[in-house]
Amino acid sequence: MQRTVATILVLLGAAAALAGCSSNESKFVSELKAAGFPNPTGAHTETEKKTKKVGTRTIKSSEKTLEAMVRLNGCDLEFAKSVGKPGYWLDELHVNGQEPDWPGYPENLRRDQVVALLASSSAKPTGFSDCYRPTQ
């Protein structure tokens, strides 16, 4: 009887954790849609775990980051957001199987600002010219 109750509690906890992650992901997709991006896809959560030695103690921490892809002017752009913090940033360009970081990680851009950034002469990741199509 105790084993059954314990199993049910573990399953309920796992289901709640999954529902929480998907809720954050759908909120992030909604945030990108509100910024004018009509097609955010592939939203997922990545967890980065860190350990830090302080004297004789080890302190463990983790940070969850939401990521979603947006296709704009022929380029696959990855936007990222830290869970529990406001705002998001342009993280990476996905091109030719590579994922170079975007210089400066521009924050909280709306669609028209991203279009202007792509067309500007500012620094771009390597491979940008292979995907950029201003008429798409």
N, C-alpha and C. Protein backbone atom coordinates (compact mmCIF):
# COMPACT_ATOMS: atom_id res chain seq x y z
N MET A 1 0.82 -1.19 0.00
CA MET A 1 0.00 0.00 0.00
C MET A 1 0.88 1.27 0.00
N GLN A 2 1.91 1.27 0.85
CA GLN A 2 2.78 2.44 0.92
C GLN A 2 3.55 2.62 -0.39
N ARG A 3 3.92 1.52 -1.01
CA ARG A 3 4.65 1.58 -2.28
C ARG A 3 3.77 2.20 -3.36
N THR A 4 2.49 1.84 -3.38
CA THR A 4 1.55 2.38 -4.37
C THR A 4 1.37 3.88 -4.18
N VAL A 5 1.21 4.29 -2.93
CA VAL A 5 1.03 5.71 -2.63
C VAL A 5 2.29 6.49 -3.04
N ALA A 6 3.46 5.94 -2.74
CA ALA A 6 4.71 6.61 -3.10
C ALA A 6 4.85 6.72 -4.61
N THR A 7 4.49 5.66 -5.33
CA THR A 7 4.56 5.68 -6.79
C THR A 7 3.63 6.74 -7.36
N ILE A 8 2.44 6.84 -6.83
CA ILE A 8 1.47 7.83 -7.31
C ILE A 8 1.98 9.24 -7.05
N LEU A 9 2.56 9.47 -5.88
CA LEU A 9 3.09 10.80 -5.57
C LEU A 9 4.25 11.18 -6.50
N VAL A 10 5.11 10.23 -6.81
CA VAL A 10 6.22 10.49 -7.73
C VAL A 10 5.68 10.83 -9.12
N LEU A 11 4.69 10.08 -9.59
CA LEU A 11 4.11 10.33 -10.91
C LEU A 11 3.42 11.69 -10.97
N LEU A 12 2.71 12.05 -9.91
CA LEU A 12 2.05 13.36 -9.87
C LEU A 12 3.08 14.50 -9.89
N GLY A 13 4.17 14.32 -9.15
CA GLY A 13 5.23 15.34 -9.15
C GLY A 13 5.85 15.51 -10.51
N ALA A 14 6.11 14.39 -11.20
CA ALA A 14 6.70 14.45 -12.55
C ALA A 14 5.74 15.12 -13.52
N ALA A 15 4.46 14.80 -13.42
CA ALA A 15 3.46 15.41 -14.31
C ALA A 15 3.37 16.91 -14.06
N ALA A 16 3.42 17.33 -12.80
CA ALA A 16 3.37 18.76 -12.48
C ALA A 16 4.59 19.48 -13.02
N ALA A 17 5.75 18.86 -12.92
CA ALA A 17 6.97 19.49 -13.45
C ALA A 17 6.89 19.65 -14.96
N LEU A 18 6.40 18.63 -15.66
CA LEU A 18 6.26 18.73 -17.11
C LEU A 18 5.25 19.80 -17.50
N ALA A 19 4.15 19.87 -16.77
CA ALA A 19 3.14 20.89 -17.07
C ALA A 19 3.70 22.28 -16.84
N GLY A 20 4.53 22.47 -15.82
CA GLY A 20 5.14 23.76 -15.55
C GLY A 20 6.07 24.18 -16.66
N CYS A 21 6.88 23.25 -17.17
CA CYS A 21 7.81 23.58 -18.25
C CYS A 21 7.05 23.94 -19.52
N SER A 22 6.04 23.16 -19.87
CA SER A 22 5.30 23.45 -21.10
C SER A 22 4.56 24.77 -20.98
N SER A 23 4.12 25.11 -19.77
CA SER A 23 3.44 26.38 -19.57
C SER A 23 4.40 27.54 -19.82
N ASN A 24 5.63 27.44 -19.30
CA ASN A 24 6.63 28.49 -19.53
C ASN A 24 6.95 28.60 -21.02
N GLU A 25 7.06 27.46 -21.69
CA GLU A 25 7.36 27.46 -23.12
C GLU A 25 6.25 28.11 -23.92
N SER A 26 4.99 27.81 -23.60
CA SER A 26 3.89 28.42 -24.34
C SER A 26 3.79 29.92 -24.06
N LYS A 27 4.14 30.34 -22.84
CA LYS A 27 4.16 31.78 -22.53
C LYS A 27 5.24 32.49 -23.34
N PHE A 28 6.39 31.84 -23.49
CA PHE A 28 7.48 32.42 -24.27
C PHE A 28 7.08 32.55 -25.73
N VAL A 29 6.45 31.51 -26.28
CA VAL A 29 5.97 31.56 -27.67
C VAL A 29 4.96 32.70 -27.81
N SER A 30 4.06 32.85 -26.84
CA SER A 30 3.08 33.95 -26.87
C SER A 30 3.77 35.31 -26.82
N GLU A 31 4.85 35.41 -26.03
CA GLU A 31 5.60 36.67 -25.94
C GLU A 31 6.24 37.02 -27.28
N LEU A 32 6.79 36.01 -27.96
CA LEU A 32 7.38 36.25 -29.28
C LEU A 32 6.31 36.63 -30.30
N LYS A 33 5.16 35.97 -30.24
CA LYS A 33 4.06 36.31 -31.16
C LYS A 33 3.60 37.74 -30.92
N ALA A 34 3.53 38.15 -29.65
CA ALA A 34 3.12 39.52 -29.33
C ALA A 34 4.13 40.54 -29.86
N ALA A 35 5.39 40.13 -30.00
CA ALA A 35 6.43 41.01 -30.53
C ALA A 35 6.42 41.04 -32.05
N GLY A 36 5.48 40.32 -32.67
CA GLY A 36 5.32 40.39 -34.12
C GLY A 36 5.89 39.21 -34.89
N PHE A 37 6.41 38.19 -34.22
CA PHE A 37 6.94 37.02 -34.91
C PHE A 37 5.80 36.02 -35.09
N PRO A 38 5.37 35.77 -36.34
CA PRO A 38 4.17 34.95 -36.55
C PRO A 38 4.39 33.45 -36.38
N ASN A 39 5.63 32.98 -36.36
CA ASN A 39 5.84 31.54 -36.44
C ASN A 39 6.91 30.97 -35.51
N PRO A 40 6.93 31.32 -34.22
CA PRO A 40 7.94 30.70 -33.36
C PRO A 40 7.68 29.19 -33.23
N THR A 41 8.74 28.39 -33.34
CA THR A 41 8.60 26.94 -33.29
C THR A 41 9.67 26.32 -32.39
N GLY A 42 9.46 25.06 -32.07
CA GLY A 42 10.48 24.28 -31.36
C GLY A 42 10.84 24.80 -30.00
N ALA A 43 9.88 25.38 -29.27
CA ALA A 43 10.19 25.89 -27.94
C ALA A 43 10.56 24.74 -27.02
N HIS A 44 11.67 24.90 -26.31
CA HIS A 44 12.10 23.89 -25.36
C HIS A 44 12.88 24.55 -24.23
N THR A 45 13.10 23.78 -23.17
CA THR A 45 13.81 24.29 -21.99
C THR A 45 15.15 23.58 -21.87
N GLU A 46 16.20 24.35 -21.63
CA GLU A 46 17.52 23.79 -21.35
C GLU A 46 17.90 24.16 -19.92
N THR A 47 18.49 23.21 -19.21
CA THR A 47 18.92 23.45 -17.84
C THR A 47 20.43 23.37 -17.76
N GLU A 48 21.04 24.41 -17.21
CA GLU A 48 22.49 24.44 -17.02
C GLU A 48 22.76 24.33 -15.53
N LYS A 49 23.49 23.29 -15.16
CA LYS A 49 23.81 23.07 -13.74
C LYS A 49 25.23 23.55 -13.47
N LYS A 50 25.40 24.21 -12.33
CA LYS A 50 26.70 24.74 -11.95
C LYS A 50 27.02 24.29 -10.53
N THR A 51 28.30 24.07 -10.27
CA THR A 51 28.76 23.82 -8.91
C THR A 51 29.89 24.78 -8.62
N LYS A 52 29.92 25.24 -7.38
CA LYS A 52 30.94 26.20 -6.97
C LYS A 52 31.45 25.77 -5.60
N LYS A 53 32.76 25.71 -5.46
CA LYS A 53 33.38 25.31 -4.21
C LYS A 53 33.63 26.56 -3.37
N VAL A 54 33.05 26.61 -2.17
CA VAL A 54 33.25 27.71 -1.24
C VAL A 54 33.79 27.11 0.05
N GLY A 55 35.07 27.28 0.26
CA GLY A 55 35.70 26.66 1.43
C GLY A 55 35.63 25.14 1.29
N THR A 56 35.02 24.51 2.26
CA THR A 56 34.88 23.05 2.21
C THR A 56 33.52 22.63 1.68
N ARG A 57 32.65 23.59 1.40
CA ARG A 57 31.30 23.28 0.92
C ARG A 57 31.20 23.44 -0.58
N THR A 58 30.34 22.64 -1.18
CA THR A 58 30.05 22.76 -2.61
C THR A 58 28.62 23.26 -2.76
N ILE A 59 28.47 24.35 -3.48
CA ILE A 59 27.16 24.94 -3.70
C ILE A 59 26.73 24.60 -5.12
N LYS A 60 25.54 23.99 -5.23
CA LYS A 60 25.01 23.60 -6.54
C LYS A 60 23.87 24.55 -6.90
N SER A 61 23.81 24.91 -8.17
CA SER A 61 22.72 25.75 -8.66
C SER A 61 22.40 25.35 -10.09
N SER A 62 21.23 25.75 -10.54
CA SER A 62 20.87 25.49 -11.93
C SER A 62 20.10 26.67 -12.47
N GLU A 63 20.20 26.86 -13.78
CA GLU A 63 19.48 27.93 -14.44
C GLU A 63 18.77 27.36 -15.65
N LYS A 64 17.47 27.63 -15.74
CA LYS A 64 16.68 27.15 -16.87
C LYS A 64 16.55 28.26 -17.91
N THR A 65 16.76 27.88 -19.16
CA THR A 65 16.65 28.82 -20.26
C THR A 65 15.66 28.27 -21.28
N LEU A 66 14.70 29.10 -21.67
CA LEU A 66 13.75 28.74 -22.72
C LEU A 66 14.33 29.18 -24.06
N GLU A 67 14.16 28.34 -25.07
CA GLU A 67 14.65 28.68 -26.41
C GLU A 67 13.56 28.40 -27.42
N ALA A 68 13.47 29.24 -28.45
CA ALA A 68 12.50 29.05 -29.53
C ALA A 68 13.11 29.57 -30.82
N MET A 69 12.73 28.93 -31.92
CA MET A 69 13.24 29.31 -33.24
C MET A 69 12.22 30.18 -33.97
N VAL A 70 12.73 31.15 -34.73
CA VAL A 70 11.91 32.00 -35.58
C VAL A 70 12.59 32.07 -36.93
N ARG A 71 11.85 31.84 -38.00
CA ARG A 71 12.40 31.96 -39.36
C ARG A 71 12.02 33.34 -39.90
N LEU A 72 13.04 34.10 -40.27
CA LEU A 72 12.81 35.47 -40.73
C LEU A 72 13.83 35.80 -41.81
N ASN A 73 13.34 36.26 -42.96
CA ASN A 73 14.19 36.63 -44.10
C ASN A 73 15.16 35.51 -44.47
N GLY A 74 14.70 34.28 -44.41
CA GLY A 74 15.51 33.13 -44.80
C GLY A 74 16.43 32.61 -43.71
N CYS A 75 16.50 33.29 -42.58
CA CYS A 75 17.40 32.88 -41.49
C CYS A 75 16.62 32.25 -40.34
N ASP A 76 17.19 31.20 -39.77
CA ASP A 76 16.62 30.58 -38.58
C ASP A 76 17.29 31.22 -37.37
N LEU A 77 16.54 32.01 -36.63
CA LEU A 77 17.07 32.73 -35.48
C LEU A 77 16.58 32.07 -34.21
N GLU A 78 17.47 31.90 -33.24
CA GLU A 78 17.09 31.32 -31.96
C GLU A 78 17.02 32.43 -30.92
N PHE A 79 15.84 32.56 -30.31
CA PHE A 79 15.65 33.50 -29.22
C PHE A 79 15.67 32.72 -27.92
N ALA A 80 16.17 33.34 -26.86
CA ALA A 80 16.28 32.67 -25.56
C ALA A 80 15.76 33.59 -24.46
N LYS A 81 15.35 32.96 -23.35
CA LYS A 81 14.81 33.69 -22.21
C LYS A 81 15.12 32.90 -20.95
N SER A 82 15.59 33.57 -19.91
CA SER A 82 15.81 32.92 -18.62
C SER A 82 14.48 32.78 -17.90
N VAL A 83 14.20 31.58 -17.39
CA VAL A 83 12.94 31.34 -16.69
C VAL A 83 12.89 32.21 -15.43
N GLY A 84 11.77 32.87 -15.23
CA GLY A 84 11.58 33.70 -14.04
C GLY A 84 12.12 35.11 -14.15
N LYS A 85 12.69 35.46 -15.29
CA LYS A 85 13.23 36.81 -15.49
C LYS A 85 12.54 37.44 -16.69
N PRO A 86 12.36 38.76 -16.67
CA PRO A 86 11.71 39.42 -17.81
C PRO A 86 12.66 39.54 -19.00
N GLY A 87 12.08 39.62 -20.17
CA GLY A 87 12.86 39.88 -21.38
C GLY A 87 13.42 38.63 -22.02
N TYR A 88 13.87 38.78 -23.26
CA TYR A 88 14.46 37.70 -24.03
C TYR A 88 15.55 38.30 -24.90
N TRP A 89 16.36 37.46 -25.53
CA TRP A 89 17.44 37.98 -26.37
C TRP A 89 17.62 37.11 -27.60
N LEU A 90 18.21 37.71 -28.63
CA LEU A 90 18.56 37.00 -29.86
C LEU A 90 19.84 36.26 -29.57
N ASP A 91 19.77 34.94 -29.54
CA ASP A 91 20.87 34.13 -29.04
C ASP A 91 21.79 33.62 -30.15
N GLU A 92 21.23 32.93 -31.13
CA GLU A 92 22.06 32.28 -32.15
C GLU A 92 21.41 32.36 -33.52
N LEU A 93 22.25 32.17 -34.53
CA LEU A 93 21.82 31.99 -35.91
C LEU A 93 22.08 30.52 -36.24
N HIS A 94 21.09 29.84 -36.80
CA HIS A 94 21.28 28.44 -37.18
C HIS A 94 21.44 28.39 -38.70
N VAL A 95 22.62 28.01 -39.17
CA VAL A 95 22.89 27.96 -40.60
C VAL A 95 23.95 26.90 -40.89
N ASN A 96 23.74 26.13 -41.93
CA ASN A 96 24.68 25.09 -42.37
C ASN A 96 25.10 24.15 -41.25
N GLY A 97 24.17 23.80 -40.39
CA GLY A 97 24.47 22.89 -39.29
C GLY A 97 25.28 23.51 -38.16
N GLN A 98 25.55 24.80 -38.24
CA GLN A 98 26.31 25.51 -37.21
C GLN A 98 25.36 26.39 -36.41
N GLU A 99 25.78 26.76 -35.19
CA GLU A 99 24.97 27.63 -34.34
C GLU A 99 25.84 28.74 -33.75
N PRO A 100 26.33 29.67 -34.58
CA PRO A 100 27.15 30.75 -34.02
C PRO A 100 26.31 31.71 -33.19
N ASP A 101 26.92 32.21 -32.10
CA ASP A 101 26.24 33.18 -31.24
C ASP A 101 26.09 34.50 -31.96
N TRP A 102 25.00 35.21 -31.64
CA TRP A 102 24.77 36.52 -32.24
C TRP A 102 25.58 37.55 -31.45
N PRO A 103 26.36 38.41 -32.13
CA PRO A 103 27.19 39.39 -31.42
C PRO A 103 26.36 40.35 -30.58
N GLY A 104 26.69 40.46 -29.32
CA GLY A 104 26.02 41.43 -28.45
C GLY A 104 24.70 40.97 -27.87
N TYR A 105 24.17 39.86 -28.33
CA TYR A 105 22.89 39.32 -27.83
C TYR A 105 21.83 40.43 -27.70
N PRO A 106 21.38 41.01 -28.81
CA PRO A 106 20.37 42.09 -28.73
C PRO A 106 19.12 41.62 -27.97
N GLU A 107 18.59 42.49 -27.10
CA GLU A 107 17.50 42.12 -26.22
C GLU A 107 16.18 42.74 -26.63
N ASN A 108 15.10 41.98 -26.37
CA ASN A 108 13.70 42.43 -26.47
C ASN A 108 13.36 43.11 -27.80
N LEU A 109 13.84 42.54 -28.89
CA LEU A 109 13.58 43.12 -30.20
C LEU A 109 12.21 42.70 -30.71
N ARG A 110 11.53 43.64 -31.35
CA ARG A 110 10.28 43.32 -32.05
C ARG A 110 10.65 42.92 -33.47
N ARG A 111 9.69 42.39 -34.21
CA ARG A 111 9.96 41.88 -35.56
C ARG A 111 10.60 42.93 -36.45
N ASP A 112 10.04 44.14 -36.48
CA ASP A 112 10.58 45.18 -37.36
C ASP A 112 12.00 45.58 -36.96
N GLN A 113 12.32 45.50 -35.67
CA GLN A 113 13.68 45.80 -35.24
C GLN A 113 14.66 44.71 -35.69
N VAL A 114 14.20 43.45 -35.70
CA VAL A 114 15.06 42.35 -36.17
C VAL A 114 15.29 42.48 -37.67
N VAL A 115 14.25 42.83 -38.42
CA VAL A 115 14.40 43.02 -39.87
C VAL A 115 15.43 44.13 -40.12
N ALA A 116 15.36 45.22 -39.36
CA ALA A 116 16.31 46.32 -39.52
C ALA A 116 17.73 45.87 -39.13
N LEU A 117 17.84 45.06 -38.08
CA LEU A 117 19.15 44.55 -37.66
C LEU A 117 19.76 43.66 -38.74
N LEU A 118 18.94 42.81 -39.36
CA LEU A 118 19.45 41.93 -40.41
C LEU A 118 19.93 42.74 -41.61
N ALA A 119 19.24 43.83 -41.93
CA ALA A 119 19.59 44.65 -43.09
C ALA A 119 20.74 45.62 -42.80
N SER A 120 21.03 45.87 -41.54
CA SER A 120 22.05 46.88 -41.20
C SER A 120 23.46 46.35 -41.45
N SER A 121 24.42 47.23 -41.27
CA SER A 121 25.82 46.84 -41.48
C SER A 121 26.49 46.44 -40.16
N SER A 122 25.70 46.20 -39.12
CA SER A 122 26.27 45.80 -37.82
C SER A 122 26.87 44.39 -37.91
N ALA A 123 27.63 44.02 -36.88
CA ALA A 123 28.30 42.71 -36.85
C ALA A 123 27.27 41.58 -36.89
N LYS A 124 27.57 40.56 -37.70
CA LYS A 124 26.69 39.40 -37.85
C LYS A 124 27.50 38.13 -37.58
N PRO A 125 26.83 37.05 -37.20
CA PRO A 125 27.56 35.78 -37.01
C PRO A 125 28.07 35.24 -38.34
N THR A 126 29.07 34.38 -38.26
CA THR A 126 29.57 33.75 -39.48
C THR A 126 28.46 32.91 -40.10
N GLY A 127 28.39 32.91 -41.41
CA GLY A 127 27.37 32.16 -42.13
C GLY A 127 26.11 32.95 -42.40
N PHE A 128 26.04 34.18 -41.91
CA PHE A 128 24.83 34.99 -42.09
C PHE A 128 24.52 35.21 -43.55
N SER A 129 25.53 35.52 -44.36
CA SER A 129 25.29 35.82 -45.77
C SER A 129 24.78 34.60 -46.53
N ASP A 130 25.01 33.38 -45.99
CA ASP A 130 24.52 32.17 -46.66
C ASP A 130 23.01 32.01 -46.55
N CYS A 131 22.40 32.60 -45.52
CA CYS A 131 20.96 32.38 -45.33
C CYS A 131 20.13 33.62 -45.61
N TYR A 132 20.69 34.81 -45.48
CA TYR A 132 19.89 36.04 -45.53
C TYR A 132 19.28 36.29 -46.91
N ARG A 133 17.97 36.39 -46.95
CA ARG A 133 17.21 36.71 -48.16
C ARG A 133 16.25 37.87 -47.80
N PRO A 134 16.61 39.11 -48.14
CA PRO A 134 15.80 40.25 -47.70
C PRO A 134 14.37 40.24 -48.21
N THR A 135 14.07 39.51 -49.28
CA THR A 135 12.72 39.53 -49.83
C THR A 135 11.81 38.47 -49.24
N GLN A 136 12.32 37.59 -48.40
CA GLN A 136 11.47 36.54 -47.80
C GLN A 136 10.78 37.01 -46.57
